[in-house]
N, C-alpha and C. Protein backbone atom coordinates (compact mmCIF):
# COMPACT_ATOMS: atom_id res chain seq x y z
N UNK A 1 4.64 -13.91 -17.86
CA UNK A 1 5.01 -13.69 -16.55
C UNK A 1 3.69 -14.03 -15.77
N UNK A 2 3.80 -14.57 -14.68
CA UNK A 2 2.72 -14.94 -13.69
C UNK A 2 2.13 -13.86 -13.06
N UNK A 3 0.81 -13.95 -12.62
CA UNK A 3 0.21 -13.01 -11.85
C UNK A 3 0.93 -12.70 -10.56
N UNK A 4 1.28 -13.70 -9.96
CA UNK A 4 2.16 -13.48 -8.65
C UNK A 4 3.31 -12.72 -8.91
N UNK A 5 4.18 -12.90 -9.92
CA UNK A 5 5.33 -12.14 -10.07
C UNK A 5 5.09 -10.86 -10.36
N UNK A 6 3.98 -10.49 -11.25
CA UNK A 6 3.67 -9.17 -11.62
C UNK A 6 3.19 -8.44 -10.17
N UNK A 7 2.40 -8.93 -9.48
CA UNK A 7 2.06 -8.42 -8.19
C UNK A 7 3.20 -8.15 -7.28
N UNK A 8 4.01 -9.02 -7.17
CA UNK A 8 5.24 -8.84 -6.40
C UNK A 8 6.09 -7.57 -6.90
N UNK A 9 6.19 -7.44 -8.12
CA UNK A 9 6.98 -6.30 -8.79
C UNK A 9 6.17 -5.01 -8.63
N UNK A 10 4.83 -5.14 -8.73
CA UNK A 10 4.05 -3.96 -8.37
C UNK A 10 4.04 -3.39 -7.04
N UNK A 11 4.18 -4.36 -6.06
CA UNK A 11 4.19 -4.13 -4.72
C UNK A 11 5.48 -3.36 -4.39
N UNK A 12 6.64 -3.95 -5.00
CA UNK A 12 8.01 -3.32 -4.94
C UNK A 12 7.94 -1.95 -5.41
N UNK A 13 7.41 -1.69 -6.64
CA UNK A 13 7.47 -0.44 -7.26
C UNK A 13 6.55 0.62 -6.44
N UNK A 14 5.42 0.13 -5.86
CA UNK A 14 4.73 1.03 -5.09
C UNK A 14 5.40 1.53 -3.86
N UNK A 15 6.19 0.47 -3.20
CA UNK A 15 6.89 1.03 -2.01
C UNK A 15 8.11 1.92 -2.50
N UNK A 16 8.68 1.63 -3.53
CA UNK A 16 9.77 2.49 -4.05
C UNK A 16 9.16 3.94 -4.52
N UNK A 17 8.09 4.01 -5.10
CA UNK A 17 7.40 5.33 -5.38
C UNK A 17 7.29 6.09 -4.10
N UNK A 18 6.62 5.44 -3.08
CA UNK A 18 6.45 6.17 -1.87
C UNK A 18 7.68 6.56 -1.13
N UNK A 19 8.76 5.85 -1.24
CA UNK A 19 10.12 6.13 -0.77
C UNK A 19 10.69 7.59 -1.47
N UNK A 20 10.42 7.43 -2.89
CA UNK A 20 10.96 8.65 -3.73
C UNK A 20 10.06 9.80 -3.33
N UNK A 21 8.75 9.74 -3.18
CA UNK A 21 7.88 10.79 -2.90
C UNK A 21 8.31 11.38 -1.46
N UNK A 22 8.63 10.62 -0.51
CA UNK A 22 9.16 11.18 0.72
C UNK A 22 10.41 11.83 0.52
N UNK A 23 11.40 11.36 -0.20
CA UNK A 23 12.64 11.88 -0.35
C UNK A 23 12.64 13.20 -1.06
N UNK A 24 11.62 13.21 -2.17
CA UNK A 24 11.45 14.42 -2.89
C UNK A 24 10.98 15.51 -1.99
N UNK A 25 10.00 15.14 -1.05
CA UNK A 25 9.35 16.25 -0.15
C UNK A 25 10.44 16.74 0.65
N UNK A 26 11.42 16.08 1.08
CA UNK A 26 12.24 16.54 2.14
C UNK A 26 13.64 16.99 1.34
N UNK A 27 13.73 16.90 0.14
CA UNK A 27 14.92 17.31 -0.62
C UNK A 27 15.15 18.83 -0.76
N UNK A 28 16.40 19.03 -0.80
CA UNK A 28 16.83 20.58 -1.15
C UNK A 28 16.39 20.88 -2.53
N UNK A 29 16.23 22.08 -2.89
CA UNK A 29 15.90 22.49 -4.30
C UNK A 29 16.87 22.04 -5.27
N UNK A 30 18.19 21.92 -5.14
CA UNK A 30 19.03 21.54 -5.97
C UNK A 30 18.91 19.96 -6.48
N UNK A 31 18.31 19.27 -5.70
CA UNK A 31 18.09 17.92 -5.96
C UNK A 31 16.68 17.34 -6.54
N UNK A 32 15.91 18.40 -6.33
CA UNK A 32 14.41 18.02 -6.68
C UNK A 32 14.20 17.63 -8.07
N UNK A 33 14.84 18.22 -9.15
CA UNK A 33 14.60 17.75 -10.42
C UNK A 33 15.13 16.34 -10.73
N UNK A 34 16.33 16.05 -10.11
CA UNK A 34 16.73 14.71 -10.24
C UNK A 34 15.72 13.53 -9.64
N UNK A 35 15.34 14.00 -8.32
CA UNK A 35 14.45 13.09 -7.65
C UNK A 35 12.96 13.08 -8.36
N UNK A 36 12.65 14.01 -8.95
CA UNK A 36 11.46 14.14 -9.54
C UNK A 36 11.37 13.28 -10.89
N UNK A 37 12.66 13.17 -11.41
CA UNK A 37 12.72 12.32 -12.55
C UNK A 37 12.83 10.95 -12.30
N UNK A 38 13.37 10.56 -11.13
CA UNK A 38 13.31 9.13 -10.70
C UNK A 38 11.94 8.75 -10.35
N UNK A 39 11.33 9.58 -9.74
CA UNK A 39 9.91 9.29 -9.18
C UNK A 39 9.09 9.26 -10.41
N UNK A 40 9.17 9.95 -11.47
CA UNK A 40 8.34 9.77 -12.70
C UNK A 40 8.61 8.46 -13.40
N UNK A 41 9.79 8.02 -13.34
CA UNK A 41 10.22 6.76 -13.91
C UNK A 41 9.64 5.57 -13.30
N UNK A 42 9.66 5.68 -12.08
CA UNK A 42 9.09 4.48 -11.16
C UNK A 42 7.60 4.52 -11.26
N UNK A 43 7.08 5.73 -11.24
CA UNK A 43 5.60 5.60 -11.47
C UNK A 43 5.13 5.18 -12.76
N UNK A 44 5.99 5.49 -13.81
CA UNK A 44 5.51 4.94 -15.16
C UNK A 44 5.79 3.43 -15.09
N UNK A 45 6.77 2.83 -14.55
CA UNK A 45 6.94 1.50 -14.47
C UNK A 45 5.87 0.89 -13.69
N UNK A 46 5.52 1.47 -12.54
CA UNK A 46 4.46 0.95 -11.70
C UNK A 46 3.10 0.82 -12.48
N UNK A 47 2.83 1.94 -13.15
CA UNK A 47 1.63 2.00 -13.99
C UNK A 47 1.49 0.95 -15.07
N UNK A 48 2.70 0.70 -15.66
CA UNK A 48 2.64 -0.31 -16.81
C UNK A 48 2.30 -1.73 -16.06
N UNK A 49 3.16 -1.87 -15.03
CA UNK A 49 2.88 -3.21 -14.31
C UNK A 49 1.55 -3.52 -13.79
N UNK A 50 0.80 -2.28 -13.42
CA UNK A 50 -0.54 -2.27 -12.93
C UNK A 50 -1.46 -2.60 -14.08
N UNK A 51 -1.19 -2.05 -15.31
CA UNK A 51 -1.90 -2.35 -16.51
C UNK A 51 -1.89 -3.81 -16.86
N UNK A 52 -0.61 -4.36 -16.76
CA UNK A 52 -0.26 -5.86 -17.16
C UNK A 52 -1.10 -6.70 -16.32
N UNK A 53 -1.02 -6.36 -14.86
CA UNK A 53 -1.78 -7.16 -13.89
C UNK A 53 -3.26 -7.13 -14.21
N UNK A 54 -3.82 -5.96 -14.54
CA UNK A 54 -5.22 -5.93 -14.86
C UNK A 54 -5.50 -6.68 -16.06
N UNK A 55 -4.59 -6.64 -17.00
CA UNK A 55 -4.82 -7.43 -18.24
C UNK A 55 -4.73 -8.99 -18.00
N UNK A 56 -3.76 -9.42 -17.11
CA UNK A 56 -3.76 -10.75 -16.70
C UNK A 56 -5.10 -11.24 -15.93
N UNK A 57 -5.43 -10.30 -15.25
CA UNK A 57 -6.87 -10.79 -14.27
C UNK A 57 -7.86 -10.76 -15.24
N UNK A 58 -8.11 -10.05 -16.21
CA UNK A 58 -9.12 -10.11 -17.23
C UNK A 58 -9.10 -11.32 -18.07
N UNK A 59 -8.02 -11.74 -18.46
CA UNK A 59 -7.80 -12.92 -19.31
C UNK A 59 -8.02 -14.14 -18.67
N UNK A 60 -7.78 -14.24 -17.31
CA UNK A 60 -7.82 -15.58 -16.59
C UNK A 60 -9.18 -15.83 -16.04
N UNK A 61 -10.04 -14.81 -16.15
CA UNK A 61 -11.39 -15.08 -15.76
C UNK A 61 -12.27 -15.88 -16.47
């Protein structure tokens, strides 16, 4: 996967994580667990892509 595609996906996941954080902060107590789980998954995927992008940058130098 090219650096550009990884960077685009990373940006999308950063925006999605910010959206879930806002939604979680405003959510009623009965939805918090579900939203926290979604946020955890998005953050994990974001972190995985960030690591992949860092790895791509390292190897292309």
